[in-house]
Amino acid sequence: MRFPVTLAISILTSLGTLGLQSDCSPGSTVVLVTDCSGAAVAGARIDVKACCAGNQQVQRSAVSASNGEATFDVNAREICDGKITFAGFSTTVFGTGSCTTPDKNGKSKCTVQVCKK
């Protein structure tokens, strides 16, 4: 009786390895945070949620570097909720409309302005 159980577990594990489970699309997205004048904003907290196939959700957070950028391992097409928090400004939300279409390697860039105080 032990053999069928072991075989079933092996088959299920293999199916996941073959990519038959729901996953997010591969890709990377750079989020650039600027102020109203277009200058880079360093130190902004960026929260990104990707909504992928099979109702899978992935959440990532980062702080923008001195050039205003942070890179996330999510495909921009799947960003369903983005939020930028920066001291002295209102929270700014964004989605795929702020992003370029991912290239053939899944790379894209989102530019978001924080303006409201």
N, C-alpha and C. Protein backbone atom coordinates (compact mmCIF):
# COMPACT_ATOMS: atom_id res chain seq x y z
N MET A 1 0.82 -1.19 0.00
CA MET A 1 0.00 0.00 0.00
C MET A 1 0.86 1.25 0.00
N ARG A 2 2.07 1.14 0.46
CA ARG A 2 2.95 2.29 0.55
C ARG A 2 3.38 2.76 -0.84
N PHE A 3 3.55 1.84 -1.79
CA PHE A 3 4.00 2.19 -3.14
C PHE A 3 3.02 3.14 -3.86
N PRO A 4 1.69 2.90 -3.87
CA PRO A 4 0.77 3.81 -4.55
C PRO A 4 0.80 5.23 -3.96
N VAL A 5 0.93 5.33 -2.64
CA VAL A 5 0.99 6.66 -2.01
C VAL A 5 2.26 7.38 -2.44
N THR A 6 3.39 6.68 -2.43
CA THR A 6 4.65 7.27 -2.86
C THR A 6 4.59 7.68 -4.32
N LEU A 7 3.99 6.85 -5.15
CA LEU A 7 3.85 7.15 -6.57
C LEU A 7 2.97 8.39 -6.78
N ALA A 8 1.89 8.49 -6.03
CA ALA A 8 0.99 9.64 -6.16
C ALA A 8 1.70 10.93 -5.76
N ILE A 9 2.46 10.90 -4.69
CA ILE A 9 3.21 12.08 -4.26
C ILE A 9 4.24 12.46 -5.31
N SER A 10 4.92 11.49 -5.89
CA SER A 10 5.92 11.76 -6.93
C SER A 10 5.29 12.40 -8.15
N ILE A 11 4.13 11.91 -8.54
CA ILE A 11 3.44 12.47 -9.72
C ILE A 11 3.01 13.90 -9.45
N LEU A 12 2.43 14.17 -8.28
CA LEU A 12 2.00 15.53 -7.95
C LEU A 12 3.18 16.49 -7.89
N THR A 13 4.29 16.05 -7.34
CA THR A 13 5.49 16.89 -7.28
C THR A 13 6.00 17.18 -8.69
N SER A 14 5.97 16.19 -9.56
CA SER A 14 6.43 16.38 -10.94
C SER A 14 5.55 17.35 -11.69
N LEU A 15 4.26 17.29 -11.46
CA LEU A 15 3.35 18.22 -12.15
C LEU A 15 3.67 19.66 -11.79
N GLY A 16 3.98 19.90 -10.51
CA GLY A 16 4.36 21.25 -10.10
C GLY A 16 5.65 21.69 -10.75
N THR A 17 6.61 20.78 -10.88
CA THR A 17 7.89 21.08 -11.50
C THR A 17 7.73 21.39 -12.98
N LEU A 18 6.77 20.76 -13.63
CA LEU A 18 6.55 20.99 -15.05
C LEU A 18 5.84 22.30 -15.34
N GLY A 19 5.41 22.99 -14.29
CA GLY A 19 4.76 24.28 -14.49
C GLY A 19 3.27 24.16 -14.71
N LEU A 20 2.66 23.06 -14.30
CA LEU A 20 1.24 22.90 -14.47
C LEU A 20 0.45 23.52 -13.32
N GLN A 21 1.15 24.14 -12.38
CA GLN A 21 0.46 24.87 -11.32
C GLN A 21 0.37 26.34 -11.73
N SER A 22 -0.55 27.07 -11.11
CA SER A 22 -0.71 28.48 -11.44
C SER A 22 0.45 29.28 -10.87
N ASP A 23 1.08 30.06 -11.68
CA ASP A 23 2.20 30.89 -11.26
C ASP A 23 2.07 32.27 -11.88
N CYS A 24 2.87 33.17 -11.38
CA CYS A 24 2.97 34.49 -11.99
C CYS A 24 3.88 34.39 -13.20
N SER A 25 3.66 35.25 -14.17
CA SER A 25 4.52 35.30 -15.36
C SER A 25 5.90 35.80 -14.96
N PRO A 26 6.96 35.27 -15.58
CA PRO A 26 8.29 35.76 -15.26
C PRO A 26 8.47 37.20 -15.73
N GLY A 27 9.30 37.92 -15.03
CA GLY A 27 9.58 39.29 -15.43
C GLY A 27 10.15 40.09 -14.29
N SER A 28 10.54 41.32 -14.60
CA SER A 28 11.01 42.24 -13.58
C SER A 28 10.52 43.64 -13.94
N THR A 29 10.23 44.39 -12.91
CA THR A 29 9.69 45.73 -13.09
C THR A 29 10.47 46.71 -12.25
N VAL A 30 10.92 47.78 -12.89
CA VAL A 30 11.57 48.88 -12.18
C VAL A 30 10.50 49.94 -11.93
N VAL A 31 10.36 50.35 -10.68
CA VAL A 31 9.44 51.44 -10.34
C VAL A 31 10.28 52.67 -10.05
N LEU A 32 10.02 53.73 -10.80
CA LEU A 32 10.72 55.02 -10.63
C LEU A 32 9.76 55.98 -9.94
N VAL A 33 10.19 56.52 -8.81
CA VAL A 33 9.38 57.49 -8.06
C VAL A 33 9.97 58.87 -8.28
N THR A 34 9.13 59.81 -8.74
CA THR A 34 9.56 61.20 -8.95
C THR A 34 8.62 62.14 -8.22
N ASP A 35 9.09 63.38 -8.01
CA ASP A 35 8.19 64.40 -7.47
C ASP A 35 7.53 65.12 -8.65
N CYS A 36 6.76 66.16 -8.36
CA CYS A 36 6.02 66.85 -9.42
C CYS A 36 6.92 67.51 -10.46
N SER A 37 8.15 67.82 -10.07
CA SER A 37 9.07 68.45 -11.03
C SER A 37 9.81 67.41 -11.88
N GLY A 38 9.62 66.12 -11.55
CA GLY A 38 10.30 65.06 -12.29
C GLY A 38 11.60 64.60 -11.65
N ALA A 39 11.96 65.20 -10.51
CA ALA A 39 13.19 64.80 -9.81
C ALA A 39 12.98 63.47 -9.09
N ALA A 40 14.02 62.65 -9.05
CA ALA A 40 13.96 61.34 -8.39
C ALA A 40 13.71 61.52 -6.89
N VAL A 41 12.91 60.62 -6.32
CA VAL A 41 12.61 60.65 -4.89
C VAL A 41 13.26 59.42 -4.25
N ALA A 42 14.24 59.66 -3.42
CA ALA A 42 14.91 58.58 -2.69
C ALA A 42 14.21 58.36 -1.36
N GLY A 43 14.15 57.10 -0.91
CA GLY A 43 13.60 56.81 0.40
C GLY A 43 12.10 56.59 0.45
N ALA A 44 11.45 56.51 -0.69
CA ALA A 44 10.01 56.25 -0.71
C ALA A 44 9.76 54.75 -0.55
N ARG A 45 8.78 54.40 0.25
CA ARG A 45 8.41 52.98 0.39
C ARG A 45 7.46 52.62 -0.75
N ILE A 46 7.79 51.54 -1.45
CA ILE A 46 6.99 51.07 -2.59
C ILE A 46 6.47 49.68 -2.26
N ASP A 47 5.15 49.53 -2.30
CA ASP A 47 4.51 48.24 -2.09
C ASP A 47 3.83 47.84 -3.38
N VAL A 48 4.09 46.61 -3.83
CA VAL A 48 3.53 46.11 -5.09
C VAL A 48 2.83 44.78 -4.81
N LYS A 49 1.64 44.64 -5.36
CA LYS A 49 0.94 43.36 -5.30
C LYS A 49 0.66 42.92 -6.72
N ALA A 50 1.05 41.69 -7.04
CA ALA A 50 0.78 41.11 -8.35
C ALA A 50 -0.33 40.08 -8.19
N CYS A 51 -1.32 40.14 -9.07
CA CYS A 51 -2.43 39.19 -9.09
C CYS A 51 -2.23 38.30 -10.32
N CYS A 52 -1.93 37.05 -10.08
CA CYS A 52 -1.53 36.13 -11.14
C CYS A 52 -2.61 35.08 -11.39
N ALA A 53 -2.31 34.19 -12.31
CA ALA A 53 -3.24 33.11 -12.66
C ALA A 53 -3.57 32.28 -11.42
N GLY A 54 -4.75 31.71 -11.42
CA GLY A 54 -5.15 30.85 -10.32
C GLY A 54 -5.34 31.59 -9.01
N ASN A 55 -5.65 32.88 -9.08
CA ASN A 55 -5.87 33.72 -7.88
C ASN A 55 -4.64 33.81 -6.98
N GLN A 56 -3.47 33.52 -7.52
CA GLN A 56 -2.24 33.63 -6.74
C GLN A 56 -1.88 35.11 -6.62
N GLN A 57 -1.49 35.54 -5.43
CA GLN A 57 -1.06 36.91 -5.20
C GLN A 57 0.34 36.91 -4.62
N VAL A 58 1.14 37.85 -5.10
CA VAL A 58 2.51 38.00 -4.63
C VAL A 58 2.67 39.45 -4.19
N GLN A 59 3.22 39.65 -2.99
CA GLN A 59 3.44 41.01 -2.50
C GLN A 59 4.93 41.24 -2.30
N ARG A 60 5.37 42.42 -2.71
CA ARG A 60 6.77 42.81 -2.56
C ARG A 60 6.82 44.25 -2.05
N SER A 61 7.88 44.57 -1.31
CA SER A 61 8.10 45.93 -0.81
C SER A 61 9.57 46.28 -0.97
N ALA A 62 9.83 47.54 -1.21
CA ALA A 62 11.21 48.03 -1.32
C ALA A 62 11.21 49.53 -1.04
N VAL A 63 12.39 50.07 -0.88
CA VAL A 63 12.57 51.52 -0.70
C VAL A 63 13.36 52.03 -1.90
N SER A 64 12.90 53.15 -2.46
CA SER A 64 13.57 53.70 -3.64
C SER A 64 14.99 54.16 -3.31
N ALA A 65 15.90 53.89 -4.23
CA ALA A 65 17.31 54.26 -4.07
C ALA A 65 17.50 55.74 -4.39
N SER A 66 18.73 56.19 -4.39
CA SER A 66 19.04 57.61 -4.64
C SER A 66 18.59 58.06 -6.03
N ASN A 67 18.47 57.11 -6.97
CA ASN A 67 17.99 57.46 -8.32
C ASN A 67 16.46 57.35 -8.42
N GLY A 68 15.79 57.09 -7.28
CA GLY A 68 14.34 57.01 -7.25
C GLY A 68 13.79 55.66 -7.67
N GLU A 69 14.66 54.69 -7.93
CA GLU A 69 14.22 53.40 -8.47
C GLU A 69 14.30 52.27 -7.46
N ALA A 70 13.42 51.30 -7.68
CA ALA A 70 13.46 50.01 -6.98
C ALA A 70 13.03 48.95 -7.99
N THR A 71 13.65 47.78 -7.93
CA THR A 71 13.35 46.72 -8.88
C THR A 71 12.61 45.59 -8.17
N PHE A 72 11.56 45.09 -8.83
CA PHE A 72 10.74 44.01 -8.29
C PHE A 72 10.74 42.83 -9.25
N ASP A 73 10.65 41.63 -8.70
CA ASP A 73 10.63 40.42 -9.52
C ASP A 73 9.20 40.02 -9.90
N VAL A 74 8.44 41.00 -10.38
CA VAL A 74 7.08 40.75 -10.85
C VAL A 74 6.91 41.32 -12.25
N ASN A 75 6.03 40.70 -13.03
CA ASN A 75 5.72 41.19 -14.36
C ASN A 75 4.73 42.33 -14.23
N ALA A 76 5.00 43.45 -14.88
CA ALA A 76 4.15 44.64 -14.75
C ALA A 76 2.71 44.38 -15.15
N ARG A 77 2.49 43.44 -16.08
CA ARG A 77 1.11 43.14 -16.50
C ARG A 77 0.27 42.60 -15.36
N GLU A 78 0.90 42.07 -14.35
CA GLU A 78 0.18 41.44 -13.26
C GLU A 78 0.08 42.31 -12.01
N ILE A 79 0.58 43.56 -12.08
CA ILE A 79 0.47 44.45 -10.93
C ILE A 79 -0.99 44.87 -10.80
N CYS A 80 -1.61 44.46 -9.70
CA CYS A 80 -3.01 44.82 -9.48
C CYS A 80 -3.14 45.91 -8.42
N ASP A 81 -2.07 46.15 -7.69
CA ASP A 81 -2.13 47.19 -6.67
C ASP A 81 -0.71 47.65 -6.37
N GLY A 82 -0.49 48.93 -6.49
CA GLY A 82 0.80 49.51 -6.15
C GLY A 82 0.57 50.71 -5.26
N LYS A 83 1.46 50.92 -4.31
CA LYS A 83 1.29 52.02 -3.36
C LYS A 83 2.65 52.59 -3.02
N ILE A 84 2.73 53.92 -3.01
CA ILE A 84 3.97 54.60 -2.64
C ILE A 84 3.68 55.49 -1.44
N THR A 85 4.51 55.34 -0.41
CA THR A 85 4.39 56.13 0.81
C THR A 85 5.69 56.89 1.00
N PHE A 86 5.56 58.20 1.19
CA PHE A 86 6.75 59.04 1.39
C PHE A 86 6.38 60.15 2.37
N ALA A 87 7.23 60.36 3.35
CA ALA A 87 6.96 61.35 4.40
C ALA A 87 6.65 62.73 3.80
N GLY A 88 5.59 63.34 4.28
CA GLY A 88 5.21 64.68 3.82
C GLY A 88 4.30 64.68 2.61
N PHE A 89 4.01 63.50 2.05
CA PHE A 89 3.15 63.39 0.88
C PHE A 89 2.02 62.40 1.16
N SER A 90 0.91 62.58 0.45
CA SER A 90 -0.19 61.62 0.54
C SER A 90 0.25 60.32 -0.12
N THR A 91 -0.32 59.21 0.34
CA THR A 91 -0.04 57.93 -0.28
C THR A 91 -0.50 57.97 -1.74
N THR A 92 0.32 57.50 -2.63
CA THR A 92 0.01 57.48 -4.06
C THR A 92 -0.18 56.03 -4.49
N VAL A 93 -1.29 55.77 -5.19
CA VAL A 93 -1.54 54.42 -5.69
C VAL A 93 -1.29 54.38 -7.19
N PHE A 94 -0.90 53.21 -7.69
CA PHE A 94 -0.67 53.05 -9.12
C PHE A 94 -0.96 51.62 -9.54
N GLY A 95 -1.09 51.43 -10.84
CA GLY A 95 -1.32 50.10 -11.41
C GLY A 95 -0.59 49.99 -12.72
N THR A 96 -1.04 49.09 -13.56
CA THR A 96 -0.35 48.82 -14.82
C THR A 96 -0.36 50.02 -15.76
N GLY A 97 -1.29 50.96 -15.59
CA GLY A 97 -1.35 52.13 -16.46
C GLY A 97 -0.13 53.03 -16.33
N SER A 98 0.62 52.89 -15.26
CA SER A 98 1.84 53.68 -15.05
C SER A 98 3.07 53.01 -15.63
N CYS A 99 2.89 51.85 -16.25
CA CYS A 99 4.02 51.02 -16.66
C CYS A 99 4.11 50.84 -18.18
N THR A 100 5.33 50.62 -18.64
CA THR A 100 5.53 50.27 -20.04
C THR A 100 5.16 48.81 -20.24
N THR A 101 4.85 48.43 -21.46
CA THR A 101 4.57 47.04 -21.77
C THR A 101 5.85 46.23 -21.61
N PRO A 102 5.79 45.09 -20.92
CA PRO A 102 7.01 44.29 -20.76
C PRO A 102 7.61 43.89 -22.12
N ASP A 103 8.94 43.94 -22.21
CA ASP A 103 9.61 43.51 -23.44
C ASP A 103 9.62 41.98 -23.51
N LYS A 104 10.30 41.42 -24.49
CA LYS A 104 10.30 39.97 -24.69
C LYS A 104 10.90 39.21 -23.51
N ASN A 105 11.67 39.90 -22.68
CA ASN A 105 12.26 39.27 -21.50
C ASN A 105 11.44 39.53 -20.24
N GLY A 106 10.29 40.20 -20.40
CA GLY A 106 9.42 40.48 -19.26
C GLY A 106 9.83 41.69 -18.45
N LYS A 107 10.74 42.51 -18.99
CA LYS A 107 11.20 43.69 -18.25
C LYS A 107 10.36 44.91 -18.62
N SER A 108 10.05 45.71 -17.61
CA SER A 108 9.28 46.93 -17.85
C SER A 108 9.62 47.97 -16.79
N LYS A 109 9.05 49.16 -16.96
CA LYS A 109 9.31 50.25 -16.04
C LYS A 109 8.02 51.00 -15.76
N CYS A 110 7.80 51.30 -14.49
CA CYS A 110 6.65 52.10 -14.07
C CYS A 110 7.18 53.41 -13.51
N THR A 111 6.60 54.52 -13.94
CA THR A 111 6.99 55.83 -13.43
C THR A 111 5.80 56.42 -12.68
N VAL A 112 6.03 56.76 -11.41
CA VAL A 112 4.96 57.25 -10.57
C VAL A 112 5.39 58.54 -9.90
N GLN A 113 4.54 59.57 -9.96
CA GLN A 113 4.83 60.84 -9.33
C GLN A 113 4.13 60.93 -7.97
N VAL A 114 4.84 61.44 -6.98
CA VAL A 114 4.24 61.77 -5.69
C VAL A 114 4.17 63.29 -5.63
N CYS A 115 2.95 63.82 -5.60
CA CYS A 115 2.79 65.28 -5.66
C CYS A 115 1.94 65.84 -4.52
N LYS A 116 0.91 65.12 -4.13
CA LYS A 116 -0.03 65.64 -3.13
C LYS A 116 0.57 65.61 -1.74
N LYS A 117 0.47 66.75 -1.06
CA LYS A 117 0.96 66.84 0.34
C LYS A 117 -0.18 66.79 1.29
